Protein backbone atom coordinates (compact mmCIF):
# COMPACT_ATOMS: atom_id res chain seq x y z
CA MET A 1 2.40 -77.55 14.73
CA LEU A 2 0.71 -80.88 13.91
CA ALA A 3 -2.16 -79.07 12.20
CA TYR A 4 0.34 -77.07 10.18
CA ALA A 5 2.09 -80.27 9.02
CA LYS A 6 -1.26 -81.86 8.02
CA ALA A 7 -2.16 -78.74 6.03
CA LEU A 8 1.13 -78.99 4.12
CA LEU A 9 0.45 -82.63 3.23
CA VAL A 10 -2.77 -81.62 1.47
CA LEU A 11 -0.84 -79.35 -0.90
CA PRO A 12 0.83 -80.68 -4.08
CA ALA A 13 4.48 -81.62 -3.65
CA TRP A 14 5.76 -78.90 -5.97
CA LEU A 15 3.77 -76.26 -4.05
CA ARG A 16 5.06 -77.51 -0.70
CA VAL A 17 8.67 -77.21 -1.93
CA TRP A 18 8.06 -73.75 -3.40
CA LEU A 19 6.31 -72.56 -0.23
CA GLN A 20 9.09 -73.81 2.04
CA GLN A 21 11.77 -72.16 -0.11
CA PHE A 22 9.80 -68.90 -0.34
CA LEU A 23 9.26 -68.71 3.42
CA SER A 24 12.92 -69.51 3.99
CA PHE A 25 13.87 -66.72 1.56
CA LEU A 26 11.75 -64.29 3.59
CA GLY A 27 13.38 -65.45 6.79
CA ILE A 28 10.17 -67.01 8.15
CA ARG A 29 10.84 -70.29 9.89
CA GLY A 30 7.45 -71.56 11.01
CA PRO A 31 3.76 -70.96 11.59
CA GLN A 32 4.42 -69.23 14.92
CA GLN A 33 6.40 -66.52 13.16
CA ILE A 34 3.64 -66.12 10.55
CA ALA A 35 1.02 -65.83 13.27
CA LEU A 36 3.10 -63.26 15.16
CA GLY A 37 3.57 -61.27 11.94
CA VAL A 38 -0.16 -61.27 11.24
CA LEU A 39 -0.91 -60.26 14.82
CA LYS A 40 1.64 -57.43 14.72
CA GLY A 41 0.30 -56.21 11.37
CA SER A 42 -3.26 -56.21 12.73
CA PHE A 43 -2.15 -54.26 15.78
CA ASP A 44 -0.32 -51.69 13.62
CA THR A 45 -3.41 -51.31 11.44
CA LEU A 46 -5.58 -50.77 14.50
CA LEU A 47 -3.20 -48.06 15.75
CA LEU A 48 -3.35 -46.35 12.35
CA VAL A 49 -7.16 -46.35 12.35
CA LEU A 50 -7.29 -45.07 15.93
CA LEU A 51 -4.80 -42.32 15.06
CA GLY A 52 -6.92 -41.22 12.11
CA SER A 53 -10.09 -41.36 14.20
CA GLY A 54 -8.32 -39.28 16.84
CA PHE A 55 -7.53 -36.58 14.28
CA VAL A 56 -11.16 -36.49 13.20
CA ALA A 57 -12.47 -36.46 16.78
CA GLY A 58 -9.99 -33.76 17.70
CA GLY A 59 -11.18 -31.66 14.78
CA ARG A 60 -14.77 -32.02 15.95
CA ILE A 61 -13.86 -30.94 19.50
CA VAL A 62 -12.13 -27.81 18.19
CA MET A 63 -15.05 -26.97 15.91
CA ASP A 64 -17.74 -27.60 18.53
CA THR A 65 -16.10 -25.58 21.31
CA GLN A 66 -13.61 -22.77 21.02
CA TYR A 67 -13.63 -22.14 17.25
CA ALA A 68 -17.26 -22.79 16.33
CA LEU A 69 -18.51 -21.66 12.92
CA PRO A 70 -22.26 -21.35 12.24
CA ASN A 71 -23.81 -24.27 10.37
CA SER A 72 -24.60 -22.00 7.43
CA THR A 73 -20.94 -20.99 7.21
CA GLN A 74 -19.84 -24.64 7.40
CA ASN A 75 -22.18 -25.49 4.51
CA VAL A 76 -20.74 -22.72 2.33
CA ALA A 77 -17.16 -23.60 3.30
CA LEU A 78 -17.57 -27.27 2.39
CA LYS A 79 -19.24 -26.36 -0.91
CA TRP A 80 -16.36 -24.06 -1.84
CA ALA A 81 -13.49 -26.07 -0.35
CA PRO A 82 -12.47 -27.79 -3.64
CA ILE A 83 -12.52 -24.49 -5.54
CA ALA A 84 -10.64 -22.70 -2.77
CA ASP A 85 -8.05 -25.48 -2.87
CA ARG A 86 -7.55 -25.00 -6.62
CA ILE A 87 -7.27 -21.23 -6.24
CA ALA A 88 -4.84 -21.58 -3.33
CA ARG A 89 -2.67 -24.09 -5.16
CA ASN A 90 -2.44 -21.83 -8.22
CA ALA A 91 -1.50 -18.85 -6.02
CA ASP A 92 0.82 -20.99 -3.85
CA ILE A 93 -0.85 -20.14 -0.53
CA PRO A 94 -2.41 -22.45 2.11
CA ARG A 95 -5.72 -23.93 0.95
CA GLU A 96 -7.75 -22.44 3.82
CA VAL A 97 -6.78 -18.83 3.05
CA PRO A 98 -9.40 -17.96 0.36
CA LEU A 99 -12.18 -19.22 2.63
CA VAL A 100 -10.80 -17.32 5.64
CA LEU A 101 -10.53 -14.04 3.69
CA TRP A 102 -14.10 -14.40 2.44
CA PHE A 103 -15.34 -15.11 5.96
CA LYS A 104 -13.40 -12.22 7.49
CA GLU A 105 -14.38 -9.65 4.89
CA ASN A 106 -18.00 -10.60 4.16
CA SER A 107 -19.11 -13.51 6.40
CA MET A 108 -19.08 -15.82 3.33
CA LEU A 109 -22.08 -14.07 1.77
CA ALA A 110 -22.29 -13.95 -2.05
CA VAL A 111 -23.29 -10.28 -1.94
CA ASN A 112 -21.01 -7.33 -2.72
CA PRO A 113 -21.30 -4.65 0.01
CA ASP A 114 -22.17 -1.03 -0.77
CA SER A 115 -18.55 0.03 -0.11
CA CYS A 116 -17.48 -1.19 -3.61
CA THR A 117 -14.77 -3.40 -2.03
CA GLY A 118 -16.37 -6.74 -2.92
CA ILE A 119 -16.60 -9.85 -0.77
CA ILE A 120 -12.81 -9.78 -0.29
CA GLY A 121 -12.44 -6.32 1.27
CA ALA A 122 -10.28 -4.98 -1.57
CA TYR A 123 -10.03 -1.44 -0.13
CA ASP A 124 -6.56 -0.67 -1.47
CA LEU A 125 -7.21 -2.10 -4.94
CA VAL A 126 -10.36 -0.03 -5.41
CA ARG A 127 -8.97 3.18 -3.89
CA SER A 128 -5.79 2.99 -6.00
CA GLY A 129 -7.76 2.44 -9.17
CA GLU A 130 -6.17 -0.97 -9.82
CA HIS A 131 -9.67 -2.43 -9.82
CA PRO A 132 -13.01 -0.75 -10.50
CA CYS A 133 -15.82 -0.76 -7.98
CA PHE A 134 -17.23 -4.22 -7.30
CA THR A 135 -20.89 -3.55 -8.14
CA PRO A 136 -22.94 -3.82 -4.93
CA GLY A 137 -25.55 -6.57 -4.76
CA PRO A 138 -25.82 -10.36 -5.18
CA ILE A 139 -23.16 -12.06 -7.33
CA SER A 140 -22.91 -15.38 -9.17
CA ASP A 141 -20.70 -18.33 -8.26
CA ILE A 142 -18.34 -17.43 -11.11
CA GLU A 143 -17.98 -13.90 -9.73
CA VAL A 144 -17.30 -15.32 -6.26
CA SER A 145 -14.57 -17.51 -7.74
CA GLU A 146 -13.07 -14.54 -9.62
CA GLN A 147 -12.93 -12.44 -6.45
CA LEU A 148 -11.34 -15.26 -4.45
CA ILE A 149 -8.66 -15.48 -7.15
CA ILE A 150 -7.98 -11.75 -6.79
CA ALA A 151 -7.78 -12.09 -3.00
CA ALA A 152 -5.40 -15.07 -3.25
CA GLN A 153 -3.10 -13.22 -5.64
CA GLU A 154 -3.07 -10.12 -3.41
CA PHE A 155 -2.38 -12.30 -0.34
CA LYS A 156 0.63 -13.86 -2.07
CA LYS A 157 1.83 -10.46 -3.30
CA ARG A 158 1.84 -9.07 0.23
CA CYS A 159 3.41 -12.20 1.71
CA PRO A 160 5.65 -13.83 -0.94
CA GLU A 161 7.38 -16.12 1.56
CA ILE A 162 4.25 -18.21 2.15
CA THR A 163 3.53 -21.37 0.12
CA TYR A 164 0.74 -23.89 -0.32
CA TYR A 165 2.48 -26.18 2.20
CA THR A 166 3.23 -23.54 4.90
CA GLN A 167 2.11 -24.66 8.38
CA SER A 168 4.06 -22.22 10.57
CA PRO A 169 1.56 -20.27 12.74
CA GLU A 170 3.87 -17.26 12.92
CA VAL A 171 4.22 -17.01 9.14
CA ILE A 172 0.50 -17.49 8.51
CA LYS A 173 -0.51 -14.93 11.16
CA ARG A 174 1.95 -12.38 9.79
CA CYS A 175 0.57 -12.92 6.28
CA TYR A 176 -3.03 -12.35 7.39
CA PHE A 177 -1.84 -9.16 9.10
CA ALA A 178 -0.12 -8.08 5.87
CA TYR A 179 -3.32 -8.66 3.89
CA ASN A 180 -5.30 -6.51 6.31
CA ALA A 181 -2.83 -3.77 7.28
CA GLY A 182 -0.19 -3.89 4.54
CA SER A 183 3.29 -5.38 4.29
CA GLY A 184 4.91 -2.43 6.05
CA ALA A 185 2.74 -2.74 9.15
CA ALA A 186 3.25 -6.51 9.22
CA ALA A 187 7.02 -6.01 9.20
CA ARG A 188 6.93 -3.54 12.11
CA LEU A 189 4.09 -4.69 14.35
CA ASP A 190 3.20 -7.89 16.21
CA PRO A 191 0.30 -9.80 14.57
CA ASP A 192 -0.55 -11.28 17.99
CA GLN A 193 -1.81 -7.81 18.94
CA SER A 194 -4.04 -7.49 15.87
CA ALA A 195 -7.78 -7.96 16.41
CA TYR A 196 -8.17 -8.85 12.71
CA VAL A 197 -5.75 -11.76 13.18
CA MET A 198 -6.19 -13.00 16.75
CA ASN A 199 -9.62 -12.05 18.18
CA ASN A 200 -11.28 -14.91 20.12
CA TYR A 201 -8.20 -17.13 19.81
CA ASP A 202 -8.15 -17.48 23.62
CA GLU A 203 -9.21 -15.54 26.70
CA ALA A 204 -6.28 -13.15 26.38
CA HIS A 205 -7.41 -12.27 22.85
CA SER A 206 -11.16 -11.77 23.41
CA ASN A 207 -13.13 -8.63 22.52
CA MET A 208 -10.08 -6.93 21.08
CA VAL A 209 -10.24 -3.34 19.84
CA TYR A 210 -9.88 -2.78 16.09
CA SER A 211 -9.16 0.53 14.33
CA ASP A 212 -10.08 0.92 10.68
CA VAL A 213 -10.41 3.82 8.22
CA GLU A 214 -13.91 2.69 7.25
CA LEU A 215 -15.21 1.41 10.62
CA GLY A 216 -13.36 3.63 13.07
CA THR A 217 -12.50 2.09 16.46
CA VAL A 218 -14.73 -0.84 17.42
CA VAL A 219 -14.76 -3.80 19.81
CA VAL A 220 -14.55 -6.92 17.67
CA LYS A 221 -16.90 -9.86 18.20
CA GLN A 222 -16.09 -11.95 15.12
CA MET A 223 -13.29 -14.54 15.20
CA GLY A 224 -9.91 -13.38 13.98
CA ALA A 225 -8.23 -14.74 10.87
CA TRP A 226 -5.97 -17.17 12.76
CA PRO A 227 -8.68 -18.99 14.80
CA THR A 228 -10.85 -18.97 11.66
CA HIS A 229 -7.94 -20.57 9.78
CA LEU A 230 -7.78 -23.32 12.41
CA ALA A 231 -11.55 -23.80 12.22
CA MET A 232 -11.51 -24.05 8.40
CA GLN A 233 -8.57 -26.44 8.55
CA SER A 234 -10.42 -28.70 10.96
CA LEU A 235 -13.61 -28.47 8.91
CA VAL A 236 -12.00 -29.41 5.59
CA VAL A 237 -9.78 -32.18 6.98
CA SER A 238 -12.39 -33.90 9.13
CA GLN A 239 -15.41 -33.25 6.89
CA ILE A 240 -17.39 -32.40 10.00
CA ASP A 241 -21.19 -32.53 10.35
CA VAL A 242 -23.20 -30.45 7.90
CA ALA A 243 -26.61 -29.34 9.12
CA GLY A 244 -26.66 -32.21 11.58
CA GLU A 245 -25.66 -34.87 9.05
CA GLU A 246 -22.92 -37.17 10.35
CA ARG A 247 -19.99 -37.48 7.96
CA PRO A 248 -18.08 -40.80 8.06
CA PHE A 249 -14.35 -41.03 8.66
CA SER A 250 -14.02 -42.53 5.16
CA LEU A 251 -14.65 -39.07 3.67
CA ALA A 252 -11.55 -37.75 5.39
CA ILE A 253 -9.54 -40.63 3.92
CA LEU A 254 -11.10 -39.97 0.50
CA ASP A 255 -10.20 -36.28 0.79
CA LEU A 256 -6.58 -37.12 1.58
CA SER A 257 -6.27 -39.72 -1.21
CA THR A 258 -7.86 -37.35 -3.73
CA ARG A 259 -5.42 -34.60 -2.80
CA LEU A 260 -2.50 -36.99 -3.26
CA TYR A 261 -3.91 -37.99 -6.66
CA ASP A 262 -4.36 -34.33 -7.61
CA TRP A 263 -0.80 -33.56 -6.52
CA ALA A 264 0.54 -36.41 -8.64
CA SER A 265 -1.58 -35.32 -11.63
CA ALA A 266 -0.43 -31.72 -11.27
CA SER A 267 3.22 -32.83 -11.04
CA ALA A 268 2.84 -34.94 -14.18
CA SER A 269 1.18 -32.03 -15.96
CA ASP A 270 3.98 -29.66 -14.91
CA LEU A 271 6.56 -32.17 -16.14
CA SER A 272 4.84 -32.53 -19.52
CA HIS A 273 4.80 -28.75 -19.93
CA ALA A 274 8.48 -28.52 -19.02
CA VAL A 275 9.52 -31.28 -21.41
CA TRP A 276 7.13 -30.89 -24.33
CA GLY A 277 5.88 -27.33 -23.91
CA THR A 278 2.24 -28.33 -24.37
CA ASP A 279 -0.56 -25.79 -24.01
CA GLY A 280 -4.23 -26.33 -23.21
CA ASN A 281 -6.48 -26.25 -26.25
CA MET A 282 -9.76 -27.55 -27.61
CA GLU A 283 -8.55 -28.44 -31.08
CA PHE A 284 -10.48 -31.25 -32.76
CA PRO A 285 -8.87 -33.61 -35.32
CA ALA A 286 -8.70 -32.11 -38.80
CA ALA A 287 -10.32 -35.23 -40.28
CA ARG A 288 -13.22 -36.37 -38.11
CA SER A 289 -15.39 -39.39 -38.86
CA LEU A 290 -18.57 -40.05 -36.89
CA ASP A 291 -19.73 -42.91 -39.12
CA GLN A 292 -19.18 -45.47 -36.35
CA GLU A 293 -21.29 -43.44 -33.94
CA ALA A 294 -24.67 -44.21 -35.46
CA CYS A 295 -26.58 -42.64 -32.60
CA ILE A 296 -25.31 -39.13 -33.45
CA GLY A 297 -27.86 -37.08 -35.40
CA LYS A 298 -28.32 -33.57 -36.74
CA ALA A 299 -29.10 -30.73 -34.33
CA HIS A 300 -32.03 -28.39 -34.95
CA THR A 301 -31.03 -24.84 -35.89
CA LEU A 302 -34.19 -22.89 -35.10
CA GLY A 303 -35.83 -22.66 -31.71
CA ASN A 304 -35.04 -20.48 -28.69
CA ILE A 305 -31.41 -19.39 -29.00
CA THR A 306 -31.25 -18.47 -25.29
CA LEU A 307 -31.74 -22.15 -24.39
CA ARG A 308 -28.92 -23.46 -26.60
CA PRO A 309 -25.73 -24.89 -24.96
CA ARG A 310 -23.08 -22.26 -25.75
CA LEU A 311 -20.35 -22.58 -23.11
CA ASN A 312 -17.58 -25.10 -22.62
CA PRO A 313 -18.40 -26.94 -19.35
CA VAL A 314 -14.71 -26.75 -18.29
CA THR A 315 -13.89 -23.21 -17.20
CA PHE A 316 -10.10 -23.45 -17.06
CA SER A 317 -7.77 -24.44 -19.93
CA PRO A 318 -10.03 -27.10 -21.54
CA MET A 319 -8.37 -29.83 -23.62
CA LEU A 320 -10.01 -32.46 -25.82
CA THR A 321 -8.81 -35.89 -24.68
CA GLN A 322 -11.20 -38.10 -26.68
CA ASP A 323 -13.52 -37.34 -29.59
CA VAL A 324 -17.14 -38.51 -29.80
CA HIS A 325 -17.70 -41.97 -28.32
CA GLY A 326 -20.25 -43.75 -26.16
CA CYS A 327 -23.10 -44.91 -28.40
CA SER A 328 -22.58 -48.41 -26.99
CA TYR A 329 -23.75 -47.25 -23.58
CA SER A 330 -26.31 -44.70 -24.83
CA LEU A 331 -24.46 -41.58 -23.73
CA PRO A 332 -22.28 -40.42 -26.66
CA GLY A 333 -20.11 -37.39 -26.07
CA VAL A 334 -16.59 -36.00 -25.89
CA ASP A 335 -14.06 -36.14 -23.06
CA ILE A 336 -12.65 -32.79 -21.93
CA SER A 337 -9.85 -32.45 -19.40
CA SER A 338 -7.80 -29.50 -18.16
CA ASP A 339 -4.33 -28.51 -16.99
CA ASP A 340 -6.03 -28.13 -13.59
CA SER A 341 -7.35 -31.48 -12.35
CA THR A 342 -9.87 -29.67 -10.11
CA ALA A 343 -11.17 -27.15 -12.65
CA VAL A 344 -14.62 -25.72 -12.00
CA LEU A 345 -17.46 -27.01 -14.17
CA GLN A 346 -20.09 -24.53 -15.37
CA ALA A 347 -23.59 -24.92 -16.79
CA PRO A 348 -23.34 -24.69 -20.62
CA MET A 349 -26.97 -23.54 -20.76
CA PRO A 350 -29.86 -22.55 -18.47
CA GLY A 351 -32.20 -25.25 -17.20
CA ASP A 352 -33.15 -27.50 -14.31
CA VAL A 353 -30.30 -29.49 -12.79
CA THR A 354 -30.27 -32.87 -11.07
CA THR A 355 -27.28 -34.76 -9.66
CA PHE A 356 -26.99 -38.52 -9.24
CA THR A 357 -24.73 -41.57 -9.56
CA ASP A 358 -25.53 -43.88 -12.48
CA ARG A 359 -25.33 -47.68 -12.59
CA TRP A 360 -21.65 -47.52 -13.59
CA TYR A 361 -20.95 -45.43 -10.45
CA ASN A 362 -20.33 -42.30 -12.52
CA THR A 363 -21.22 -39.13 -10.65
CA THR A 364 -23.45 -37.12 -12.99
CA ILE A 365 -24.75 -33.58 -13.44
CA ARG A 366 -27.81 -33.43 -15.73
CA ILE A 367 -29.27 -30.13 -16.98
CA GLU A 368 -32.50 -29.98 -19.00
CA ASN A 369 -34.55 -27.19 -20.56
CA ASP A 370 -37.36 -27.16 -23.16
CA GLU A 371 -35.05 -27.96 -26.10
CA TRP A 372 -31.85 -29.61 -24.81
CA ILE A 373 -30.43 -32.01 -22.22
CA VAL A 374 -26.74 -32.09 -21.26
CA TRP A 375 -24.84 -34.52 -19.06
CA LEU A 376 -21.52 -33.87 -17.28
CA LEU A 377 -19.95 -37.07 -15.91
CA HIS A 378 -17.31 -37.84 -13.26
CA PRO A 379 -17.31 -34.63 -11.12
CA ARG A 380 -15.54 -35.06 -7.79
CA SER A 381 -18.10 -32.77 -6.10
CA TYR A 382 -21.37 -30.97 -6.79
CA LEU A 383 -21.78 -27.23 -6.27
CA VAL A 384 -25.53 -27.21 -6.87
CA GLU A 385 -28.66 -28.95 -5.65
CA SER A 386 -31.72 -29.88 -7.69
CA GLY A 387 -33.39 -26.84 -9.20
CA PRO A 388 -32.89 -24.11 -11.80
CA VAL A 389 -29.42 -22.97 -12.89
CA LYS A 390 -28.22 -20.13 -15.09
CA ARG A 391 -25.84 -20.38 -18.02
CA GLY A 392 -22.30 -20.01 -16.63
CA GLN A 393 -23.23 -20.96 -13.06
CA ALA A 394 -20.68 -23.15 -11.28
CA VAL A 395 -22.18 -26.62 -10.92
CA GLY A 396 -19.30 -28.90 -9.93
CA VAL A 397 -15.59 -29.65 -9.80
CA MET A 398 -13.94 -31.87 -12.39
CA GLY A 399 -12.90 -35.30 -11.16
CA ALA A 400 -12.52 -38.97 -12.02
CA VAL A 401 -15.35 -40.61 -10.10
CA GLY A 402 -16.76 -43.78 -11.66
CA TYR A 403 -15.55 -45.38 -14.89
CA ALA A 404 -12.69 -42.97 -15.57
CA THR A 405 -8.91 -43.19 -15.89
CA GLY A 406 -8.18 -39.61 -14.86
CA PRO A 407 -9.81 -36.23 -14.11
CA HIS A 408 -12.04 -35.14 -17.00
CA VAL A 409 -15.67 -34.51 -17.90
CA HIS A 410 -17.62 -36.63 -20.37
CA TYR A 411 -19.89 -34.09 -22.09
CA THR A 412 -23.09 -35.27 -23.81
CA ILE A 413 -25.84 -33.23 -25.53
CA PHE A 414 -29.34 -34.47 -26.49
CA ASP A 415 -31.59 -32.55 -28.88
CA LYS A 416 -35.19 -32.86 -27.62
CA ILE A 417 -36.65 -31.29 -30.77
CA ASN A 418 -35.01 -33.75 -33.20
CA GLU A 419 -34.95 -36.51 -30.55
CA THR A 420 -31.29 -37.43 -31.08
CA PHE A 421 -27.88 -37.12 -29.51
CA VAL A 422 -25.73 -34.53 -31.28
CA ASP A 423 -22.04 -33.74 -31.78
CA PRO A 424 -20.88 -31.50 -28.88
CA GLN A 425 -18.21 -29.95 -31.11
CA GLN A 426 -20.91 -27.82 -32.76
CA PHE A 427 -21.71 -26.19 -29.41
CA LEU A 428 -18.22 -25.47 -28.07
CA PRO A 429 -16.77 -21.96 -28.42
């Protein structure tokens, strides 16, 4: 108490009066109460951290024991998790569902089977003529995304009562059963007796027998949809090890905070559409002036047309949010956002890709070929590693990482022939 009094004497008189009145206003009557408050707050914080760590550790235990997915499957699942989340949110189904359907129907391989049913097992759609044969053979990332969208829409159609926020095991299991066997069977039969849904969930549901028009009657070895759902849920939430690489707990916190940010952005976007009726577009100002951007030059018109950037990097509902800017930091370009804050980013041209974080902490995707270089800034995640990419290949997911005020991509093009940055507007469809 004496030390506390001496500390107060060091402060200016006006500050001592203000501090005493402020503490009295808060109901704090001395240093002991302050110390107890700090101690209690520290203890509560420690409990919160331990609780979060417990969730992560629990997820690892589940993944490493009963519901283990191969490392290769975990790698693919983590790569596609942001896209699956966007697809699921748009279809209003749980975020794990697109990944589970892909795993169940084709072991998460980007190869259409010879049966014409695609990676999503679309037997009914193909047989009924609603969808043509999915051409057998390897498919691109964009085609994978398109098929996952079809699967998500069909899942919701067969189980309209499910939503993005559904956590009820009974509802989710019944919906997986409906996707596999049809809504009528799901209404009459018990999903707990379905090998497609429950195999390897526990000892009572091991090596279940499955009857199928295509496969006949077989003893199932693969995990059912429900234990796979739990495994995917644990994988995405805890950001578990990938190929032996330890993921820190901070990534789980980042994942949660990003989802909250995305939810808030989506809600704001929905509100703006309801109030103002806005639609996504890529309209540029009628009167554009690039005089202040002295680093922008003229693009060459000859050369190899197959190398030219021809696609918008934002695949879903692109919107211009800021015209050409950035000469001051040697990366002039345009800002493009979307109604979907986690829209997939695609390669505007073929070339060799590299990914890195620049000195301003902007995540960056850089693609270069013999005539052009393009930069895509601020992605929340990369879908490619260093190496060649094709035009239209999915390369990332739009975000706001680095010097950014919201989810968008800063798109820059450099002309290697004329050795100058150019106006991206000339290359956007």
